[in-house]
Amino acid sequence: MGGEAGRTVGKVALITGSTRGIGKSLAFGMAAAGYSVVINGTTETGVERTVREIERRSGTAGKVIGIAADVGSHEAVQAMVDTAIEEFGRVDVLVNNAGIVRDRISYKMSIEEWRQVIDVHLHGAFYCVYACLPYMKEAGSGSIINMISTAGLEGCPGQANYSTAKAGLVGLTYTLAQELLRFSIRVNAVAPAALTDMTAPFIQIAEEKARMKGEDLPDYWKVGDPEDLIPLFLYLAEPPSTVTGSIFSMNGTRWSIWERPHPIYTFSKEERWTSDEIAAKIDRLTK
């Protein structure tokens, strides 16, 4: 990582939800690459433990501080960013990684379960962007990376709240990339798949179901390690990358660039369409 560290010395990365799982791995990787890193979590204990772990790791070129804050609170996020600026004077990279799940089929989901997930994933990401943008604009550069999910790209039964929040982050990514291009601030999103304490229970259930049926585990349940994601995030974080407004997915050694939604068929005529005419077109295409 010698070349990366040379580019990133003095740069600061704020990674939300970085006391465990993918966020924690990214914090280790970015610190090793030369970034000063702001660790975020919901508990002081988890934050302090992660900071100590990074500080103990040999070869870490950057500094690290930890801030316990609930990203679902605008006030808490603003205080977190203010502290980061007081300590380091800048924020160059924002990774919106914090997230929770409250999985339940839509017709059994409570309003509170809906609200909690939207607050952390969607509102929390915007609060972080809102707080960091003045400093990125002043610097004339920056990188925002939103952590999304294929659930937000394709839908997922039992995750109406999570899928909606992640789909919202896709729209936010596209919009911010266009708005912030003139300030040389790049905005991208990544849908990761990795074995973490959040995904492990679901994978174990899938493995048990496959075993009981005498079947192999479906490929989409076979995931890589969180560390596999580090090179992609390091690339997106800093020049020479110029990519913005793109959606990536990554699982182990397999990664993809996703195409934006676009019309696959377009129809027009002089007069207003009737329902029967529309039905005829759709029926012809779906048979």
C-alpha atoms as a PDB file:
ATOM      1  CA  MET A   1       0.000   0.000   0.000  1.00  0.00           C
ATOM      2  CA  GLY A   2       2.994   2.269  -0.305  1.00  0.00           C
ATOM      3  CA  GLY A   3       1.625   4.275  -3.228  1.00  0.00           C
ATOM      4  CA  GLU A   4      -1.786   4.627  -1.589  1.00  0.00           C
ATOM      5  CA  ALA A   5      -0.258   5.784   1.688  1.00  0.00           C
ATOM      6  CA  GLY A   6       1.757   8.384  -0.209  1.00  0.00           C
ATOM      7  CA  ARG A   7      -1.447   9.859  -1.638  1.00  0.00           C
ATOM      8  CA  THR A   8      -3.416   9.717   1.589  1.00  0.00           C
ATOM      9  CA  VAL A   9      -1.061  11.074   4.244  1.00  0.00           C
ATOM     10  CA  GLY A  10      -2.897  13.900   5.976  1.00  0.00           C
ATOM     11  CA  LYS A  11      -6.260  12.843   4.552  1.00  0.00           C
ATOM     12  CA  VAL A  12      -9.176  12.077   6.889  1.00  0.00           C
ATOM     13  CA  ALA A  13     -11.840   9.379   6.508  1.00  0.00           C
ATOM     14  CA  LEU A  14     -15.043   9.288   8.563  1.00  0.00           C
ATOM     15  CA  ILE A  15     -16.613   5.824   8.562  1.00  0.00           C
ATOM     16  CA  THR A  16     -19.961   5.421  10.293  1.00  0.00           C
ATOM     17  CA  GLY A  17     -20.809   2.094  11.888  1.00  0.00           C
ATOM     18  CA  SER A  18     -17.131   1.164  12.018  1.00  0.00           C
ATOM     19  CA  THR A  19     -16.903  -0.772  15.284  1.00  0.00           C
ATOM     20  CA  ARG A  20     -17.704  -4.101  13.659  1.00  0.00           C
ATOM     21  CA  GLY A  21     -18.148  -5.933  10.385  1.00  0.00           C
ATOM     22  CA  ILE A  22     -17.427  -4.250   7.087  1.00  0.00           C
ATOM     23  CA  GLY A  23     -17.059  -0.786   8.594  1.00  0.00           C
ATOM     24  CA  LYS A  24     -14.401  -1.994  11.008  1.00  0.00           C
ATOM     25  CA  SER A  25     -12.449  -3.731   8.241  1.00  0.00           C
ATOM     26  CA  LEU A  26     -12.568  -0.564   6.144  1.00  0.00           C
ATOM     27  CA  ALA A  27     -11.314   1.455   9.102  1.00  0.00           C
ATOM     28  CA  PHE A  28      -8.332  -0.862   9.489  1.00  0.00           C
ATOM     29  CA  GLY A  29      -7.639  -0.781   5.755  1.00  0.00           C
ATOM     30  CA  MET A  30      -7.865   2.988   5.398  1.00  0.00           C
ATOM     31  CA  ALA A  31      -5.719   3.586   8.485  1.00  0.00           C
ATOM     32  CA  ALA A  32      -3.093   1.224   7.099  1.00  0.00           C
ATOM     33  CA  ALA A  33      -3.204   3.147   3.808  1.00  0.00           C
ATOM     34  CA  GLY A  34      -2.303   6.373   5.589  1.00  0.00           C
ATOM     35  CA  TYR A  35      -5.641   7.961   6.440  1.00  0.00           C
ATOM     36  CA  SER A  36      -6.476   9.520   9.752  1.00  0.00           C
ATOM     37  CA  VAL A  37      -9.699   7.713  10.613  1.00  0.00           C
ATOM     38  CA  VAL A  38     -12.760   8.710  12.590  1.00  0.00           C
ATOM     39  CA  ILE A  39     -14.370   5.621  14.120  1.00  0.00           C
ATOM     40  CA  ASN A  40     -18.102   5.791  14.814  1.00  0.00           C
ATOM     41  CA  GLY A  41     -20.442   3.508  16.697  1.00  0.00           C
ATOM     42  CA  THR A  42     -23.364   3.702  19.084  1.00  0.00           C
ATOM     43  CA  THR A  43     -21.501   2.772  22.288  1.00  0.00           C
ATOM     44  CA  GLU A  44     -18.425   4.269  23.933  1.00  0.00           C
ATOM     45  CA  THR A  45     -17.161   0.770  24.751  1.00  0.00           C
ATOM     46  CA  GLY A  46     -17.271  -0.428  21.152  1.00  0.00           C
ATOM     47  CA  VAL A  47     -15.702   2.766  19.838  1.00  0.00           C
ATOM     48  CA  GLU A  48     -12.853   2.738  22.355  1.00  0.00           C
ATOM     49  CA  ARG A  49     -12.148  -0.951  21.744  1.00  0.00           C
ATOM     50  CA  THR A  50     -11.898  -0.405  17.983  1.00  0.00           C
ATOM     51  CA  VAL A  51      -9.617   2.613  18.389  1.00  0.00           C
ATOM     52  CA  ARG A  52      -7.269   0.592  20.608  1.00  0.00           C
ATOM     53  CA  GLU A  53      -7.214  -2.292  18.113  1.00  0.00           C
ATOM     54  CA  ILE A  54      -6.226   0.004  15.250  1.00  0.00           C
ATOM     55  CA  GLU A  55      -3.630   1.774  17.352  1.00  0.00           C
ATOM     56  CA  ARG A  56      -2.047  -1.569  18.255  1.00  0.00           C
ATOM     57  CA  ARG A  57      -1.813  -2.717  14.665  1.00  0.00           C
ATOM     58  CA  SER A  58       1.711  -2.328  13.356  1.00  0.00           C
ATOM     59  CA  GLY A  59       2.272  -0.287  10.212  1.00  0.00           C
ATOM     60  CA  THR A  60      -0.694   2.012  10.763  1.00  0.00           C
ATOM     61  CA  ALA A  61       0.365   5.348   9.304  1.00  0.00           C
ATOM     62  CA  GLY A  62      -2.713   7.416  10.203  1.00  0.00           C
ATOM     63  CA  LYS A  63      -4.170   8.697  13.434  1.00  0.00           C
ATOM     64  CA  VAL A  64      -7.490   7.461  14.770  1.00  0.00           C
ATOM     65  CA  ILE A  65     -10.174   8.889  17.032  1.00  0.00           C
ATOM     66  CA  GLY A  66     -13.482   7.420  18.098  1.00  0.00           C
ATOM     67  CA  ILE A  67     -16.843   9.141  18.495  1.00  0.00           C
ATOM     68  CA  ALA A  68     -19.966   7.438  19.818  1.00  0.00           C
ATOM     69  CA  ALA A  69     -22.993   8.895  18.044  1.00  0.00           C
ATOM     70  CA  ASP A  70     -26.375   7.748  16.777  1.00  0.00           C
ATOM     71  CA  VAL A  71     -26.416   8.746  13.102  1.00  0.00           C
ATOM     72  CA  GLY A  72     -30.209   8.799  13.225  1.00  0.00           C
ATOM     73  CA  SER A  73     -29.918  12.045  15.165  1.00  0.00           C
ATOM     74  CA  HIS A  74     -29.002  15.165  13.220  1.00  0.00           C
ATOM     75  CA  GLU A  75     -27.684  16.834  16.348  1.00  0.00           C
ATOM     76  CA  ALA A  76     -25.462  13.867  17.219  1.00  0.00           C
ATOM     77  CA  VAL A  77     -24.074  13.723  13.667  1.00  0.00           C
ATOM     78  CA  GLN A  78     -23.295  17.429  13.611  1.00  0.00           C
ATOM     79  CA  ALA A  79     -21.491  17.134  16.955  1.00  0.00           C
ATOM     80  CA  MET A  80     -19.512  14.161  15.607  1.00  0.00           C
ATOM     81  CA  VAL A  81     -18.370  16.038  12.504  1.00  0.00           C
ATOM     82  CA  ASP A  82     -17.566  19.135  14.561  1.00  0.00           C
ATOM     83  CA  THR A  83     -15.319  16.983  16.774  1.00  0.00           C
ATOM     84  CA  ALA A  84     -13.607  15.462  13.748  1.00  0.00           C
ATOM     85  CA  ILE A  85     -12.912  18.925  12.349  1.00  0.00           C
ATOM     86  CA  GLU A  86     -11.571  20.136  15.690  1.00  0.00           C
ATOM     87  CA  GLU A  87      -9.203  17.160  15.801  1.00  0.00           C
ATOM     88  CA  PHE A  88      -8.078  16.915  12.163  1.00  0.00           C
ATOM     89  CA  GLY A  89      -9.254  20.105  10.460  1.00  0.00           C
ATOM     90  CA  ARG A  90     -10.814  18.335   7.489  1.00  0.00           C
ATOM     91  CA  VAL A  91     -12.940  15.419   6.242  1.00  0.00           C
ATOM     92  CA  ASP A  92     -11.873  14.059   2.852  1.00  0.00           C
ATOM     93  CA  VAL A  93     -13.801  10.804   2.720  1.00  0.00           C
ATOM     94  CA  LEU A  94     -17.217   9.952   4.145  1.00  0.00           C
ATOM     95  CA  VAL A  95     -18.342   6.325   4.179  1.00  0.00           C
ATOM     96  CA  ASN A  96     -22.027   6.031   5.107  1.00  0.00           C
ATOM     97  CA  ASN A  97     -21.904   2.495   6.448  1.00  0.00           C
ATOM     98  CA  ALA A  98     -23.972   2.559   9.660  1.00  0.00           C
ATOM     99  CA  GLY A  99     -27.011   0.340   9.505  1.00  0.00           C
ATOM    100  CA  ILE A 100     -29.449  -1.867  11.362  1.00  0.00           C
ATOM    101  CA  VAL A 101     -32.015  -4.468  10.347  1.00  0.00           C
ATOM    102  CA  ARG A 102     -35.531  -4.979  11.679  1.00  0.00           C
ATOM    103  CA  ASP A 103     -36.672  -7.688   9.308  1.00  0.00           C
ATOM    104  CA  ARG A 104     -40.343  -8.580   9.129  1.00  0.00           C
ATOM    105  CA  ILE A 105     -42.853  -9.203   6.372  1.00  0.00           C
ATOM    106  CA  SER A 106     -44.534  -5.919   5.401  1.00  0.00           C
ATOM    107  CA  TYR A 107     -48.012  -6.676   6.746  1.00  0.00           C
ATOM    108  CA  LYS A 108     -46.568  -7.602  10.156  1.00  0.00           C
ATOM    109  CA  MET A 109     -43.974  -4.824  10.375  1.00  0.00           C
ATOM    110  CA  SER A 110     -44.512  -2.181  13.046  1.00  0.00           C
ATOM    111  CA  ILE A 111     -44.269   1.520  12.318  1.00  0.00           C
ATOM    112  CA  GLU A 112     -41.394   1.689  14.800  1.00  0.00           C
ATOM    113  CA  GLU A 113     -39.476  -1.029  12.929  1.00  0.00           C
ATOM    114  CA  TRP A 114     -40.003   0.905   9.705  1.00  0.00           C
ATOM    115  CA  ARG A 115     -38.916   4.200  11.247  1.00  0.00           C
ATOM    116  CA  GLN A 116     -35.811   2.859  12.986  1.00  0.00           C
ATOM    117  CA  VAL A 117     -34.321   1.435   9.793  1.00  0.00           C
ATOM    118  CA  ILE A 118     -35.149   4.489   7.679  1.00  0.00           C
ATOM    119  CA  ASP A 119     -33.723   6.798  10.362  1.00  0.00           C
ATOM    120  CA  VAL A 120     -30.344   5.066  10.523  1.00  0.00           C
ATOM    121  CA  HIS A 121     -29.764   4.162   6.871  1.00  0.00           C
ATOM    122  CA  LEU A 122     -31.388   6.987   4.944  1.00  0.00           C
ATOM    123  CA  HIS A 123     -31.753   9.941   7.293  1.00  0.00           C
ATOM    124  CA  GLY A 124     -28.404   9.137   8.902  1.00  0.00           C
ATOM    125  CA  ALA A 125     -26.578   9.156   5.577  1.00  0.00           C
ATOM    126  CA  PHE A 126     -28.024  12.524   4.629  1.00  0.00           C
ATOM    127  CA  TYR A 127     -27.244  14.014   8.044  1.00  0.00           C
ATOM    128  CA  CYS A 128     -23.602  12.962   7.596  1.00  0.00           C
ATOM    129  CA  VAL A 129     -23.456  14.367   4.068  1.00  0.00           C
ATOM    130  CA  TYR A 130     -25.085  17.608   5.234  1.00  0.00           C
ATOM    131  CA  ALA A 131     -22.536  18.043   8.033  1.00  0.00           C
ATOM    132  CA  CYS A 132     -19.463  17.169   5.931  1.00  0.00           C
ATOM    133  CA  LEU A 133     -20.270  19.074   2.733  1.00  0.00           C
ATOM    134  CA  PRO A 134     -19.232  22.565   3.879  1.00  0.00           C
ATOM    135  CA  TYR A 135     -15.695  21.311   4.529  1.00  0.00           C
ATOM    136  CA  MET A 136     -15.473  19.279   1.316  1.00  0.00           C
ATOM    137  CA  LYS A 137     -16.752  22.224  -0.720  1.00  0.00           C
ATOM    138  CA  GLU A 138     -14.202  24.520   0.895  1.00  0.00           C
ATOM    139  CA  ALA A 139     -11.436  22.037   0.103  1.00  0.00           C
ATOM    140  CA  GLY A 140     -12.678  21.630  -3.479  1.00  0.00           C
ATOM    141  CA  SER A 141     -12.513  17.850  -3.269  1.00  0.00           C
ATOM    142  CA  GLY A 142     -13.924  14.863  -1.467  1.00  0.00           C
ATOM    143  CA  SER A 143     -15.396  11.409  -1.803  1.00  0.00           C
ATOM    144  CA  ILE A 144     -18.711  10.150  -0.429  1.00  0.00           C
ATOM    145  CA  ILE A 145     -19.346   6.406  -0.528  1.00  0.00           C
ATOM    146  CA  ASN A 146     -22.812   5.156   0.383  1.00  0.00           C
ATOM    147  CA  MET A 147     -23.157   1.571   1.533  1.00  0.00           C
ATOM    148  CA  ILE A 148     -26.210   0.076  -0.145  1.00  0.00           C
ATOM    149  CA  SER A 149     -27.470  -3.451  -0.802  1.00  0.00           C
ATOM    150  CA  THR A 150     -28.816  -5.560  -3.615  1.00  0.00           C
ATOM    151  CA  ALA A 151     -32.014  -5.520  -1.532  1.00  0.00           C
ATOM    152  CA  GLY A 152     -32.369  -1.887  -2.587  1.00  0.00           C
ATOM    153  CA  LEU A 153     -31.611  -2.710  -6.209  1.00  0.00           C
ATOM    154  CA  GLU A 154     -33.771  -5.810  -6.591  1.00  0.00           C
ATOM    155  CA  GLY A 155     -36.085  -5.924  -3.563  1.00  0.00           C
ATOM    156  CA  CYS A 156     -36.083  -8.555  -0.801  1.00  0.00           C
ATOM    157  CA  PRO A 157     -39.124 -10.101   0.918  1.00  0.00           C
ATOM    158  CA  GLY A 158     -39.152  -9.422   4.642  1.00  0.00           C
ATOM    159  CA  GLN A 159     -37.045  -6.279   4.253  1.00  0.00           C
ATOM    160  CA  ALA A 160     -39.437  -3.577   3.070  1.00  0.00           C
ATOM    161  CA  ASN A 161     -37.863  -1.029   5.425  1.00  0.00           C
ATOM    162  CA  TYR A 162     -34.263  -1.981   4.589  1.00  0.00           C
ATOM    163  CA  SER A 163     -34.887  -2.264   0.834  1.00  0.00           C
ATOM    164  CA  THR A 164     -36.595   1.128   0.769  1.00  0.00           C
ATOM    165  CA  ALA A 165     -33.800   2.798   2.714  1.00  0.00           C
ATOM    166  CA  LYS A 166     -31.133   1.349   0.435  1.00  0.00           C
ATOM    167  CA  ALA A 167     -33.077   2.256  -2.700  1.00  0.00           C
ATOM    168  CA  GLY A 168     -33.298   5.783  -1.313  1.00  0.00           C
ATOM    169  CA  LEU A 169     -29.517   5.852  -0.997  1.00  0.00           C
ATOM    170  CA  VAL A 170     -29.235   4.902  -4.664  1.00  0.00           C
ATOM    171  CA  GLY A 171     -31.304   7.952  -5.600  1.00  0.00           C
ATOM    172  CA  LEU A 172     -29.293  10.098  -3.203  1.00  0.00           C
ATOM    173  CA  THR A 173     -26.060   8.866  -4.806  1.00  0.00           C
ATOM    174  CA  TYR A 174     -27.226   9.729  -8.319  1.00  0.00           C
ATOM    175  CA  THR A 175     -28.465  13.180  -7.290  1.00  0.00           C
ATOM    176  CA  LEU A 176     -25.471  14.183  -5.160  1.00  0.00           C
ATOM    177  CA  ALA A 177     -23.069  13.068  -7.889  1.00  0.00           C
ATOM    178  CA  GLN A 178     -24.700  15.538 -10.275  1.00  0.00           C
ATOM    179  CA  GLU A 179     -25.007  18.364  -7.752  1.00  0.00           C
ATOM    180  CA  LEU A 180     -21.469  18.112  -6.382  1.00  0.00           C
ATOM    181  CA  LEU A 181     -19.522  17.511  -9.587  1.00  0.00           C
ATOM    182  CA  ARG A 182     -18.647  21.204  -9.879  1.00  0.00           C
ATOM    183  CA  PHE A 183     -16.948  21.032  -6.463  1.00  0.00           C
ATOM    184  CA  SER A 184     -14.907  17.944  -7.483  1.00  0.00           C
ATOM    185  CA  ILE A 185     -16.729  15.885  -4.866  1.00  0.00           C
ATOM    186  CA  ARG A 186     -17.347  12.348  -6.074  1.00  0.00           C
ATOM    187  CA  VAL A 187     -20.288  10.249  -4.862  1.00  0.00           C
ATOM    188  CA  ASN A 188     -20.634   6.505  -5.402  1.00  0.00           C
ATOM    189  CA  ALA A 189     -22.390   3.551  -3.795  1.00  0.00           C
ATOM    190  CA  VAL A 190     -21.331  -0.021  -3.056  1.00  0.00           C
ATOM    191  CA  ALA A 191     -23.532  -3.041  -2.376  1.00  0.00           C
ATOM    192  CA  PRO A 192     -21.271  -5.436  -0.459  1.00  0.00           C
ATOM    193  CA  ALA A 193     -21.648  -9.087   0.465  1.00  0.00           C
ATOM    194  CA  ALA A 194     -19.445 -10.348   3.290  1.00  0.00           C
ATOM    195  CA  LEU A 195     -19.513 -12.628   6.290  1.00  0.00           C
ATOM    196  CA  THR A 196     -20.169 -10.435   9.339  1.00  0.00           C
ATOM    197  CA  ASP A 197     -21.965 -10.829  12.654  1.00  0.00           C
ATOM    198  CA  MET A 198     -25.049  -9.297  10.994  1.00  0.00           C
ATOM    199  CA  THR A 199     -25.108 -11.651   7.988  1.00  0.00           C
ATOM    200  CA  ALA A 200     -23.848 -14.816   9.725  1.00  0.00           C
ATOM    201  CA  PRO A 201     -27.218 -15.796  11.292  1.00  0.00           C
ATOM    202  CA  PHE A 202     -29.001 -15.570   7.929  1.00  0.00           C
ATOM    203  CA  ILE A 203     -26.282 -17.613   6.228  1.00  0.00           C
ATOM    204  CA  GLN A 204     -26.476 -20.242   8.968  1.00  0.00           C
ATOM    205  CA  ILE A 205     -30.242 -20.523   8.482  1.00  0.00           C
ATOM    206  CA  ALA A 206     -29.755 -20.887   4.720  1.00  0.00           C
ATOM    207  CA  GLU A 207     -27.093 -23.555   5.260  1.00  0.00           C
ATOM    208  CA  GLU A 208     -29.396 -25.490   7.579  1.00  0.00           C
ATOM    209  CA  LYS A 209     -32.296 -25.327   5.117  1.00  0.00           C
ATOM    210  CA  ALA A 210     -30.043 -26.513   2.289  1.00  0.00           C
ATOM    211  CA  ARG A 211     -28.703 -29.360   4.435  1.00  0.00           C
ATOM    212  CA  MET A 212     -32.208 -30.525   5.363  1.00  0.00           C
ATOM    213  CA  LYS A 213     -33.169 -30.572   1.681  1.00  0.00           C
ATOM    214  CA  GLY A 214     -29.963 -32.343   0.714  1.00  0.00           C
ATOM    215  CA  GLU A 215     -29.055 -29.440  -1.565  1.00  0.00           C
ATOM    216  CA  ASP A 216     -25.992 -27.270  -2.024  1.00  0.00           C
ATOM    217  CA  LEU A 217     -26.028 -23.781  -0.571  1.00  0.00           C
ATOM    218  CA  PRO A 218     -27.203 -21.337  -3.301  1.00  0.00           C
ATOM    219  CA  ASP A 219     -24.419 -19.195  -4.717  1.00  0.00           C
ATOM    220  CA  TYR A 220     -25.982 -15.955  -3.492  1.00  0.00           C
ATOM    221  CA  TRP A 221     -25.469 -17.121   0.100  1.00  0.00           C
ATOM    222  CA  LYS A 222     -21.760 -17.732  -0.475  1.00  0.00           C
ATOM    223  CA  VAL A 223     -19.982 -14.571   0.589  1.00  0.00           C
ATOM    224  CA  GLY A 224     -16.417 -13.355   0.958  1.00  0.00           C
ATOM    225  CA  ASP A 225     -14.637 -11.588   3.797  1.00  0.00           C
ATOM    226  CA  PRO A 226     -15.006  -7.907   4.719  1.00  0.00           C
ATOM    227  CA  GLU A 227     -11.325  -7.368   3.924  1.00  0.00           C
ATOM    228  CA  ASP A 228     -12.043  -8.150   0.261  1.00  0.00           C
ATOM    229  CA  LEU A 229     -13.784  -4.771  -0.030  1.00  0.00           C
ATOM    230  CA  ILE A 230     -10.834  -2.611   1.030  1.00  0.00           C
ATOM    231  CA  PRO A 231      -9.158  -2.184  -2.400  1.00  0.00           C
ATOM    232  CA  LEU A 232     -12.390  -0.964  -4.042  1.00  0.00           C
ATOM    233  CA  PHE A 233     -13.024   1.582  -1.301  1.00  0.00           C
ATOM    234  CA  LEU A 234      -9.431   2.822  -1.429  1.00  0.00           C
ATOM    235  CA  TYR A 235      -9.815   3.327  -5.166  1.00  0.00           C
ATOM    236  CA  LEU A 236     -13.119   5.196  -4.830  1.00  0.00           C
ATOM    237  CA  ALA A 237     -11.799   7.324  -1.974  1.00  0.00           C
ATOM    238  CA  GLU A 238      -8.995   9.127  -3.753  1.00  0.00           C
ATOM    239  CA  PRO A 239      -7.671  10.312  -7.113  1.00  0.00           C
ATOM    240  CA  PRO A 240      -6.637   9.126  -9.643  1.00  0.00           C
ATOM    241  CA  SER A 241     -10.222   7.838  -9.533  1.00  0.00           C
ATOM    242  CA  THR A 242     -12.618  10.229 -11.269  1.00  0.00           C
ATOM    243  CA  VAL A 243     -15.656   7.942 -11.202  1.00  0.00           C
ATOM    244  CA  THR A 244     -18.821   9.430  -9.728  1.00  0.00           C
ATOM    245  CA  GLY A 245     -22.495   8.508  -9.729  1.00  0.00           C
ATOM    246  CA  SER A 246     -21.751   4.800 -10.095  1.00  0.00           C
ATOM    247  CA  ILE A 247     -23.160   1.766  -8.316  1.00  0.00           C
ATOM    248  CA  PHE A 248     -20.904  -1.184  -7.528  1.00  0.00           C
ATOM    249  CA  SER A 249     -21.436  -4.555  -5.895  1.00  0.00           C
ATOM    250  CA  MET A 250     -18.713  -6.793  -4.507  1.00  0.00           C
ATOM    251  CA  ASN A 251     -18.611 -10.288  -3.050  1.00  0.00           C
ATOM    252  CA  GLY A 252     -15.203 -11.816  -2.411  1.00  0.00           C
ATOM    253  CA  THR A 253     -13.241 -11.673  -5.652  1.00  0.00           C
ATOM    254  CA  ARG A 254     -16.339 -10.993  -7.774  1.00  0.00           C
ATOM    255  CA  TRP A 255     -17.461  -7.426  -8.364  1.00  0.00           C
ATOM    256  CA  SER A 256     -19.856  -5.663 -10.697  1.00  0.00           C
ATOM    257  CA  ILE A 257     -20.766  -2.235 -12.016  1.00  0.00           C
ATOM    258  CA  TRP A 258     -24.533  -1.757 -12.183  1.00  0.00           C
ATOM    259  CA  GLU A 259     -26.346  -0.069 -15.025  1.00  0.00           C
ATOM    260  CA  ARG A 260     -28.770   2.736 -14.216  1.00  0.00           C
ATOM    261  CA  PRO A 261     -32.469   1.961 -14.694  1.00  0.00           C
ATOM    262  CA  HIS A 262     -33.582   2.923 -18.175  1.00  0.00           C
ATOM    263  CA  PRO A 263     -36.619   2.328 -20.412  1.00  0.00           C
ATOM    264  CA  ILE A 264     -36.575  -0.970 -22.270  1.00  0.00           C
ATOM    265  CA  TYR A 265     -39.633  -0.160 -24.389  1.00  0.00           C
ATOM    266  CA  THR A 266     -41.177   3.176 -25.355  1.00  0.00           C
ATOM    267  CA  PHE A 267     -44.492   3.707 -27.133  1.00  0.00           C
ATOM    268  CA  SER A 268     -46.124   6.857 -28.444  1.00  0.00           C
ATOM    269  CA  LYS A 269     -49.009   7.939 -30.654  1.00  0.00           C
ATOM    270  CA  GLU A 270     -50.935  11.084 -31.467  1.00  0.00           C
ATOM    271  CA  GLU A 271     -54.065  10.409 -29.384  1.00  0.00           C
ATOM    272  CA  ARG A 272     -54.413   9.500 -25.735  1.00  0.00           C
ATOM    273  CA  TRP A 273     -53.930   5.813 -25.013  1.00  0.00           C
ATOM    274  CA  THR A 274     -56.830   3.628 -23.949  1.00  0.00           C
ATOM    275  CA  SER A 275     -56.524   0.923 -21.292  1.00  0.00           C
ATOM    276  CA  ASP A 276     -57.195  -1.760 -23.921  1.00  0.00           C
ATOM    277  CA  GLU A 277     -54.398  -0.452 -26.131  1.00  0.00           C
ATOM    278  CA  ILE A 278     -51.959  -0.404 -23.226  1.00  0.00           C
ATOM    279  CA  ALA A 279     -53.023  -3.913 -22.208  1.00  0.00           C
ATOM    280  CA  ALA A 280     -52.490  -5.170 -25.751  1.00  0.00           C
ATOM    281  CA  LYS A 281     -48.941  -3.802 -25.827  1.00  0.00           C
ATOM    282  CA  ILE A 282     -48.063  -5.253 -22.433  1.00  0.00           C
ATOM    283  CA  ASP A 283     -49.651  -8.629 -23.163  1.00  0.00           C
ATOM    284  CA  ARG A 284     -47.721  -8.929 -26.408  1.00  0.00           C
ATOM    285  CA  LEU A 285     -44.431  -8.259 -24.600  1.00  0.00           C
ATOM    286  CA  THR A 286     -45.034 -10.518 -21.599  1.00  0.00           C
ATOM    287  CA  LYS A 287     -46.282 -13.620 -23.411  1.00  0.00           C
END
